[in-house]
Amino acid sequence: MVGYIPGDGPMHRTHPLTALSIVVLVATGAFAVPGMWNTAFVGVAVVLVLVERVPRVFKTAVPLALPFWFFLLLLHGLMGDDWQRGVILAARITTMVFVFLVFLASVHPARLVEAFVAKKAPFFVAFLFAATLQAVPDLRSRAAAVLEAQRCRGLRAGGGLANRVGALVPLTVPLVMSALAGLDEKTVALETRGATGGAAKTPLNPPADPLSSRIVRWSSLLAAVVLVWTRVTLW
């Protein structure tokens, strides 16, 4: 699973909220533009990956998107005789997968939290947003650590179906307990730092937010609103 990948692409360098606004615009376009035109946003999402130079995104996004293409084309194409509908839905899901992963790879969670705090957003909202983005990569890393630890103890997780089913409990229970323990540690850490207090937080290292970044951010959000309005009223 893709997490943050160091780099110097435009979304790496720009303000995190500007990067988020670009992702929102592309995702909105995939759902707001009618007909087969929305498939163009798959190309836009792929271009974002290439511009950011995070090819590792393809290794995760393609296996995630392919099953949706298979089942949606099977459901709407072969069974429903509506291939276009299947392609449109699959393209929307593919765009969402790509833009989510490229955002995850391009914006460090700490910078995202600092950006929200610098804009006077409640700290718990900023932390919850960043923690949500990191939930799957964190669980994946925990699962890999649990698997290695259990293999060192003699667990056979591969092989036939019986071995795989038998390994579920020795793998699942430590993973769940580890995730709960990590959540408890984060809660205690936030409480001791006064994160739930009502006082405004001061960002230690707020990301630079030049005029050009603000123009791109507000233009992207305005374009997303226009797309939604056009979809609702005209299309």
Foldseek 3Di string as FASTA:
>chain_A
DAAAADFDFPCLQAQLLLLVLLLLLLLLLLPLDDFPVSLVSLVVLVVLCVRRVPVVLCVVLVVVLVVLLVVLCVVCPVVVVHNRVSVSVSSSVSSNSSSLRSSRHRYHLLQQLLQCLVVQHQSVVSVVVSCVSCVVVVLVVLLVVQVVVVVVVPQDCDDDPVSVVVCCVSRVVVSVVVVVVVVVVVVVVCVVVVSVDPDRDDRPDHRDHDPVSVVSSVVSNVSSVVSNVCSVPPD
